[in-house]
C-alpha atoms as a PDB file:
ATOM      1  CA  UNK A   1     -39.777  48.620  -2.821  1.00  0.00           C
ATOM      2  CA  UNK A   2     -41.819  45.796  -4.291  1.00  0.00           C
ATOM      3  CA  UNK A   3     -43.574  45.135  -0.977  1.00  0.00           C
ATOM      4  CA  UNK A   4     -44.534  48.797  -0.655  1.00  0.00           C
ATOM      5  CA  UNK A   5     -45.777  49.250  -4.227  1.00  0.00           C
ATOM      6  CA  UNK A   6     -47.110  45.837  -5.248  1.00  0.00           C
ATOM      7  CA  UNK A   7     -48.790  44.583  -2.129  1.00  0.00           C
ATOM      8  CA  UNK A   8     -52.208  45.804  -3.270  1.00  0.00           C
ATOM      9  CA  UNK A   9     -52.000  43.488  -6.296  1.00  0.00           C
ATOM     10  CA  UNK A  10     -51.204  40.324  -4.411  1.00  0.00           C
ATOM     11  CA  UNK A  11     -53.251  41.152  -1.301  1.00  0.00           C
ATOM     12  CA  UNK A  12     -56.276  39.086  -2.565  1.00  0.00           C
ATOM     13  CA  UNK A  13     -54.192  35.876  -2.670  1.00  0.00           C
ATOM     14  CA  UNK A  14     -52.716  36.661   0.747  1.00  0.00           C
ATOM     15  CA  UNK A  15     -56.212  37.222   2.120  1.00  0.00           C
ATOM     16  CA  UNK A  16     -57.233  33.879   0.685  1.00  0.00           C
ATOM     17  CA  UNK A  17     -54.337  32.165   2.404  1.00  0.00           C
ATOM     18  CA  UNK A  18     -55.321  33.891   5.658  1.00  0.00           C
ATOM     19  CA  UNK A  19     -58.843  32.657   5.239  1.00  0.00           C
ATOM     20  CA  UNK A  20     -57.655  29.047   4.736  1.00  0.00           C
ATOM     21  CA  UNK A  21     -55.266  29.261   7.709  1.00  0.00           C
ATOM     22  CA  UNK A  22     -57.982  30.682   9.944  1.00  0.00           C
ATOM     23  CA  UNK A  23     -60.373  27.888   8.845  1.00  0.00           C
ATOM     24  CA  UNK A  24     -57.670  25.431   9.924  1.00  0.00           C
ATOM     25  CA  UNK A  25     -57.631  27.078  13.323  1.00  0.00           C
ATOM     26  CA  UNK A  26     -54.198  28.659  12.939  1.00  0.00           C
ATOM     27  CA  UNK A  27     -53.420  31.886  14.662  1.00  0.00           C
ATOM     28  CA  UNK A  28     -51.136  34.577  13.221  1.00  0.00           C
ATOM     29  CA  UNK A  29     -48.328  33.407  15.543  1.00  0.00           C
ATOM     30  CA  UNK A  30     -48.776  29.781  14.420  1.00  0.00           C
ATOM     31  CA  UNK A  31     -48.369  30.813  10.825  1.00  0.00           C
ATOM     32  CA  UNK A  32     -45.348  32.935  11.717  1.00  0.00           C
ATOM     33  CA  UNK A  33     -43.691  29.835  13.284  1.00  0.00           C
ATOM     34  CA  UNK A  34     -44.560  27.600  10.319  1.00  0.00           C
ATOM     35  CA  UNK A  35     -43.120  30.216   7.961  1.00  0.00           C
ATOM     36  CA  UNK A  36     -39.844  30.335   9.919  1.00  0.00           C
ATOM     37  CA  UNK A  37     -39.527  26.551   9.970  1.00  0.00           C
ATOM     38  CA  UNK A  38     -40.059  26.303   6.233  1.00  0.00           C
ATOM     39  CA  UNK A  39     -37.622  29.142   5.615  1.00  0.00           C
ATOM     40  CA  UNK A  40     -34.940  27.470   7.723  1.00  0.00           C
ATOM     41  CA  UNK A  41     -35.589  24.223   5.872  1.00  0.00           C
ATOM     42  CA  UNK A  42     -34.853  26.067   2.632  1.00  0.00           C
ATOM     43  CA  UNK A  43     -31.431  26.932   3.908  1.00  0.00           C
ATOM     44  CA  UNK A  44     -30.790  23.341   4.950  1.00  0.00           C
ATOM     45  CA  UNK A  45     -31.969  22.112   1.542  1.00  0.00           C
ATOM     46  CA  UNK A  46     -29.616  24.551  -0.195  1.00  0.00           C
ATOM     47  CA  UNK A  47     -26.735  23.170   1.823  1.00  0.00           C
ATOM     48  CA  UNK A  48     -27.594  19.698   0.652  1.00  0.00           C
ATOM     49  CA  UNK A  49     -27.859  20.782  -2.986  1.00  0.00           C
ATOM     50  CA  UNK A  50     -31.637  20.672  -3.290  1.00  0.00           C
ATOM     51  CA  UNK A  51     -31.964  24.244  -4.527  1.00  0.00           C
ATOM     52  CA  UNK A  52     -35.243  23.924  -6.418  1.00  0.00           C
ATOM     53  CA  UNK A  53     -37.069  22.515  -3.352  1.00  0.00           C
ATOM     54  CA  UNK A  54     -35.237  25.043  -1.183  1.00  0.00           C
ATOM     55  CA  UNK A  55     -36.338  27.967  -3.334  1.00  0.00           C
ATOM     56  CA  UNK A  56     -39.955  26.646  -3.346  1.00  0.00           C
ATOM     57  CA  UNK A  57     -39.998  26.456   0.471  1.00  0.00           C
ATOM     58  CA  UNK A  58     -38.409  29.904   0.699  1.00  0.00           C
ATOM     59  CA  UNK A  59     -41.164  31.491  -1.344  1.00  0.00           C
ATOM     60  CA  UNK A  60     -43.937  29.562   0.418  1.00  0.00           C
ATOM     61  CA  UNK A  61     -42.370  30.710   3.721  1.00  0.00           C
ATOM     62  CA  UNK A  62     -42.438  34.316   2.420  1.00  0.00           C
ATOM     63  CA  UNK A  63     -46.089  33.934   1.402  1.00  0.00           C
ATOM     64  CA  UNK A  64     -46.978  32.705   4.875  1.00  0.00           C
ATOM     65  CA  UNK A  65     -44.950  35.632   6.305  1.00  0.00           C
ATOM     66  CA  UNK A  66     -47.472  37.904   4.584  1.00  0.00           C
ATOM     67  CA  UNK A  67     -50.418  35.773   5.540  1.00  0.00           C
ATOM     68  CA  UNK A  68     -49.644  36.002   9.263  1.00  0.00           C
ATOM     69  CA  UNK A  69     -49.982  39.785   9.292  1.00  0.00           C
ATOM     70  CA  UNK A  70     -53.268  39.641   7.444  1.00  0.00           C
ATOM     71  CA  UNK A  71     -54.619  37.077   9.990  1.00  0.00           C
ATOM     72  CA  UNK A  72     -53.509  39.378  12.811  1.00  0.00           C
ATOM     73  CA  UNK A  73     -55.286  42.355  11.260  1.00  0.00           C
ATOM     74  CA  UNK A  74     -58.440  40.376  10.340  1.00  0.00           C
ATOM     75  CA  UNK A  75     -58.765  38.873  13.828  1.00  0.00           C
ATOM     76  CA  UNK A  76     -57.581  42.027  15.584  1.00  0.00           C
ATOM     77  CA  UNK A  77     -54.956  39.964  17.310  1.00  0.00           C
ATOM     78  CA  UNK A  78     -51.885  42.038  16.451  1.00  0.00           C
ATOM     79  CA  UNK A  79     -49.512  42.142  19.313  1.00  0.00           C
ATOM     80  CA  UNK A  80     -46.089  43.609  20.051  1.00  0.00           C
ATOM     81  CA  UNK A  81     -44.749  40.136  20.655  1.00  0.00           C
ATOM     82  CA  UNK A  82     -46.085  38.952  17.313  1.00  0.00           C
ATOM     83  CA  UNK A  83     -44.184  41.783  15.694  1.00  0.00           C
ATOM     84  CA  UNK A  84     -41.000  40.734  17.529  1.00  0.00           C
ATOM     85  CA  UNK A  85     -41.530  37.104  16.338  1.00  0.00           C
ATOM     86  CA  UNK A  86     -42.171  38.189  12.738  1.00  0.00           C
ATOM     87  CA  UNK A  87     -39.086  40.409  12.430  1.00  0.00           C
ATOM     88  CA  UNK A  88     -36.786  37.989  14.341  1.00  0.00           C
ATOM     89  CA  UNK A  89     -37.956  34.950  12.356  1.00  0.00           C
ATOM     90  CA  UNK A  90     -37.399  36.829   9.069  1.00  0.00           C
ATOM     91  CA  UNK A  91     -33.741  37.312  10.016  1.00  0.00           C
ATOM     92  CA  UNK A  92     -33.439  33.634  11.090  1.00  0.00           C
ATOM     93  CA  UNK A  93     -34.642  32.584   7.630  1.00  0.00           C
ATOM     94  CA  UNK A  94     -32.235  34.917   5.878  1.00  0.00           C
ATOM     95  CA  UNK A  95     -29.427  33.717   8.152  1.00  0.00           C
ATOM     96  CA  UNK A  96     -30.252  30.026   7.412  1.00  0.00           C
ATOM     97  CA  UNK A  97     -29.922  30.598   3.705  1.00  0.00           C
ATOM     98  CA  UNK A  98     -26.698  32.612   4.045  1.00  0.00           C
ATOM     99  CA  UNK A  99     -25.241  29.843   6.265  1.00  0.00           C
ATOM    100  CA  UNK A 100     -26.441  27.163   3.812  1.00  0.00           C
ATOM    101  CA  UNK A 101     -24.774  28.890   0.919  1.00  0.00           C
ATOM    102  CA  UNK A 102     -21.569  29.707   2.848  1.00  0.00           C
ATOM    103  CA  UNK A 103     -21.170  26.076   3.998  1.00  0.00           C
ATOM    104  CA  UNK A 104     -21.976  24.536   0.637  1.00  0.00           C
ATOM    105  CA  UNK A 105     -19.714  27.031  -1.202  1.00  0.00           C
ATOM    106  CA  UNK A 106     -16.867  27.970   1.225  1.00  0.00           C
ATOM    107  CA  UNK A 107     -15.380  30.306  -1.389  1.00  0.00           C
ATOM    108  CA  UNK A 108     -18.302  32.627  -0.599  1.00  0.00           C
ATOM    109  CA  UNK A 109     -17.841  32.608   3.211  1.00  0.00           C
ATOM    110  CA  UNK A 110     -16.346  36.079   3.429  1.00  0.00           C
ATOM    111  CA  UNK A 111     -18.865  37.538   0.974  1.00  0.00           C
ATOM    112  CA  UNK A 112     -21.687  35.894   2.883  1.00  0.00           C
ATOM    113  CA  UNK A 113     -20.363  37.395   6.108  1.00  0.00           C
ATOM    114  CA  UNK A 114     -20.354  40.834   4.547  1.00  0.00           C
ATOM    115  CA  UNK A 115     -23.925  40.309   3.405  1.00  0.00           C
ATOM    116  CA  UNK A 116     -24.981  39.281   6.901  1.00  0.00           C
ATOM    117  CA  UNK A 117     -23.288  42.391   8.383  1.00  0.00           C
ATOM    118  CA  UNK A 118     -25.057  44.629   5.858  1.00  0.00           C
ATOM    119  CA  UNK A 119     -28.381  43.141   6.888  1.00  0.00           C
ATOM    120  CA  UNK A 120     -27.550  43.726  10.524  1.00  0.00           C
ATOM    121  CA  UNK A 121     -26.742  47.403   9.759  1.00  0.00           C
ATOM    122  CA  UNK A 122     -29.904  47.961   7.731  1.00  0.00           C
ATOM    123  CA  UNK A 123     -32.128  46.223  10.268  1.00  0.00           C
ATOM    124  CA  UNK A 124     -30.594  48.146  13.179  1.00  0.00           C
ATOM    125  CA  UNK A 125     -31.604  51.467  11.503  1.00  0.00           C
ATOM    126  CA  UNK A 126     -34.965  50.013  10.547  1.00  0.00           C
ATOM    127  CA  UNK A 127     -35.808  48.767  14.050  1.00  0.00           C
ATOM    128  CA  UNK A 128     -34.401  51.801  15.895  1.00  0.00           C
ATOM    129  CA  UNK A 129     -36.287  54.196  13.648  1.00  0.00           C
ATOM    130  CA  UNK A 130     -39.423  52.055  13.932  1.00  0.00           C
ATOM    131  CA  UNK A 131     -39.333  52.232  17.692  1.00  0.00           C
ATOM    132  CA  UNK A 132     -38.711  55.953  17.858  1.00  0.00           C
ATOM    133  CA  UNK A 133     -40.948  57.276  15.027  1.00  0.00           C
ATOM    134  CA  UNK A 134     -44.652  57.903  15.219  1.00  0.00           C
ATOM    135  CA  UNK A 135     -46.551  55.076  13.504  1.00  0.00           C
ATOM    136  CA  UNK A 136     -49.034  56.240  10.847  1.00  0.00           C
ATOM    137  CA  UNK A 137     -49.417  53.008   8.871  1.00  0.00           C
ATOM    138  CA  UNK A 138     -51.330  49.747   9.212  1.00  0.00           C
ATOM    139  CA  UNK A 139     -48.313  47.873  10.567  1.00  0.00           C
ATOM    140  CA  UNK A 140     -47.638  47.685  14.296  1.00  0.00           C
ATOM    141  CA  UNK A 141     -44.634  50.036  14.052  1.00  0.00           C
ATOM    142  CA  UNK A 142     -43.324  52.751  11.740  1.00  0.00           C
ATOM    143  CA  UNK A 143     -42.288  50.946   8.570  1.00  0.00           C
ATOM    144  CA  UNK A 144     -39.356  52.286   6.499  1.00  0.00           C
ATOM    145  CA  UNK A 145     -39.619  51.402   2.844  1.00  0.00           C
ATOM    146  CA  UNK A 146     -36.416  51.067   0.894  1.00  0.00           C
ATOM    147  CA  UNK A 147     -34.768  49.624  -2.158  1.00  0.00           C
ATOM    148  CA  UNK A 148     -34.353  46.189  -0.494  1.00  0.00           C
ATOM    149  CA  UNK A 149     -37.501  44.944   1.171  1.00  0.00           C
ATOM    150  CA  UNK A 150     -38.574  41.347   1.752  1.00  0.00           C
ATOM    151  CA  UNK A 151     -39.438  40.608  -1.845  1.00  0.00           C
ATOM    152  CA  UNK A 152     -36.169  41.960  -3.230  1.00  0.00           C
ATOM    153  CA  UNK A 153     -34.383  39.958  -0.632  1.00  0.00           C
ATOM    154  CA  UNK A 154     -36.168  36.782  -1.698  1.00  0.00           C
ATOM    155  CA  UNK A 155     -35.352  37.476  -5.351  1.00  0.00           C
ATOM    156  CA  UNK A 156     -31.655  37.921  -4.528  1.00  0.00           C
ATOM    157  CA  UNK A 157     -31.578  34.907  -2.176  1.00  0.00           C
ATOM    158  CA  UNK A 158     -33.281  32.860  -4.921  1.00  0.00           C
ATOM    159  CA  UNK A 159     -30.574  33.830  -7.428  1.00  0.00           C
ATOM    160  CA  UNK A 160     -27.864  33.036  -4.938  1.00  0.00           C
ATOM    161  CA  UNK A 161     -29.382  29.606  -4.154  1.00  0.00           C
ATOM    162  CA  UNK A 162     -29.921  28.706  -7.851  1.00  0.00           C
ATOM    163  CA  UNK A 163     -26.561  30.010  -9.161  1.00  0.00           C
ATOM    164  CA  UNK A 164     -24.612  28.040  -6.547  1.00  0.00           C
ATOM    165  CA  UNK A 165     -20.931  28.222  -7.241  1.00  0.00           C
ATOM    166  CA  UNK A 166     -21.492  31.160  -9.607  1.00  0.00           C
ATOM    167  CA  UNK A 167     -23.315  33.245  -6.991  1.00  0.00           C
ATOM    168  CA  UNK A 168     -20.423  35.438  -5.880  1.00  0.00           C
ATOM    169  CA  UNK A 169     -21.390  38.469  -7.970  1.00  0.00           C
ATOM    170  CA  UNK A 170     -25.034  38.259  -6.879  1.00  0.00           C
ATOM    171  CA  UNK A 171     -23.961  38.156  -3.212  1.00  0.00           C
ATOM    172  CA  UNK A 172     -21.925  41.349  -3.818  1.00  0.00           C
ATOM    173  CA  UNK A 173     -24.809  43.039  -5.580  1.00  0.00           C
ATOM    174  CA  UNK A 174     -27.206  42.073  -2.826  1.00  0.00           C
ATOM    175  CA  UNK A 175     -24.819  43.431  -0.197  1.00  0.00           C
ATOM    176  CA  UNK A 176     -24.638  46.709  -2.108  1.00  0.00           C
ATOM    177  CA  UNK A 177     -28.385  46.933  -2.371  1.00  0.00           C
ATOM    178  CA  UNK A 178     -28.812  46.305   1.340  1.00  0.00           C
ATOM    179  CA  UNK A 179     -26.173  48.957   2.201  1.00  0.00           C
ATOM    180  CA  UNK A 180     -27.899  51.441  -0.078  1.00  0.00           C
ATOM    181  CA  UNK A 181     -31.181  50.646   1.687  1.00  0.00           C
ATOM    182  CA  UNK A 182     -29.453  51.266   5.037  1.00  0.00           C
ATOM    183  CA  UNK A 183     -28.307  54.629   3.736  1.00  0.00           C
ATOM    184  CA  UNK A 184     -31.895  55.511   2.566  1.00  0.00           C
ATOM    185  CA  UNK A 185     -33.214  54.553   5.978  1.00  0.00           C
ATOM    186  CA  UNK A 186     -30.504  56.484   7.763  1.00  0.00           C
ATOM    187  CA  UNK A 187     -31.276  59.673   5.785  1.00  0.00           C
ATOM    188  CA  UNK A 188     -35.026  59.250   6.328  1.00  0.00           C
ATOM    189  CA  UNK A 189     -34.414  58.643  10.111  1.00  0.00           C
ATOM    190  CA  UNK A 190     -32.478  61.923  10.238  1.00  0.00           C
ATOM    191  CA  UNK A 191     -35.464  63.780   8.708  1.00  0.00           C
ATOM    192  CA  UNK A 192     -38.238  62.238  10.823  1.00  0.00           C
ATOM    193  CA  UNK A 193     -36.456  61.965  14.195  1.00  0.00           C
ATOM    194  CA  UNK A 194     -35.696  65.634  14.864  1.00  0.00           C
END
């Protein structure tokens, strides 16, 4: 939701980051890899109780995740494999944080598993619909907006990381939001894939 409606407001800072990365000789795929590494490190830092640094790396990783797409569009280097990398690495980052939280706070292991499964369900609908629907947007595939997009996910993951042993309710809320998003995407898929 935030990604879809607020992108135009933050796009100038994303474009600036793309300009800096291109000046450094980084390709879109290079930035995608760097974003994934920083995101995974945020999960590792969470496991070791360094939440503030972990959250900072998570958000910088997310910023770079937006920068890579801008680089690809600016340099006309978008590729199907770049899309695969981007979507896959996003899930790796989410998984790293979920694992970091689940290992640090074993009382949330089952809730973390439910969150991971809800993300799998939502992303299955998203990816299947994206591959079957006609693309009319600027992304390299049909993009289904929903209540829980990348920014909402980062907000919820941040709360989970910062709240630590009090994060159970946030994990449950996030799971509910992701499942609602899956429902939204499923209903939209039924309408557009006739």
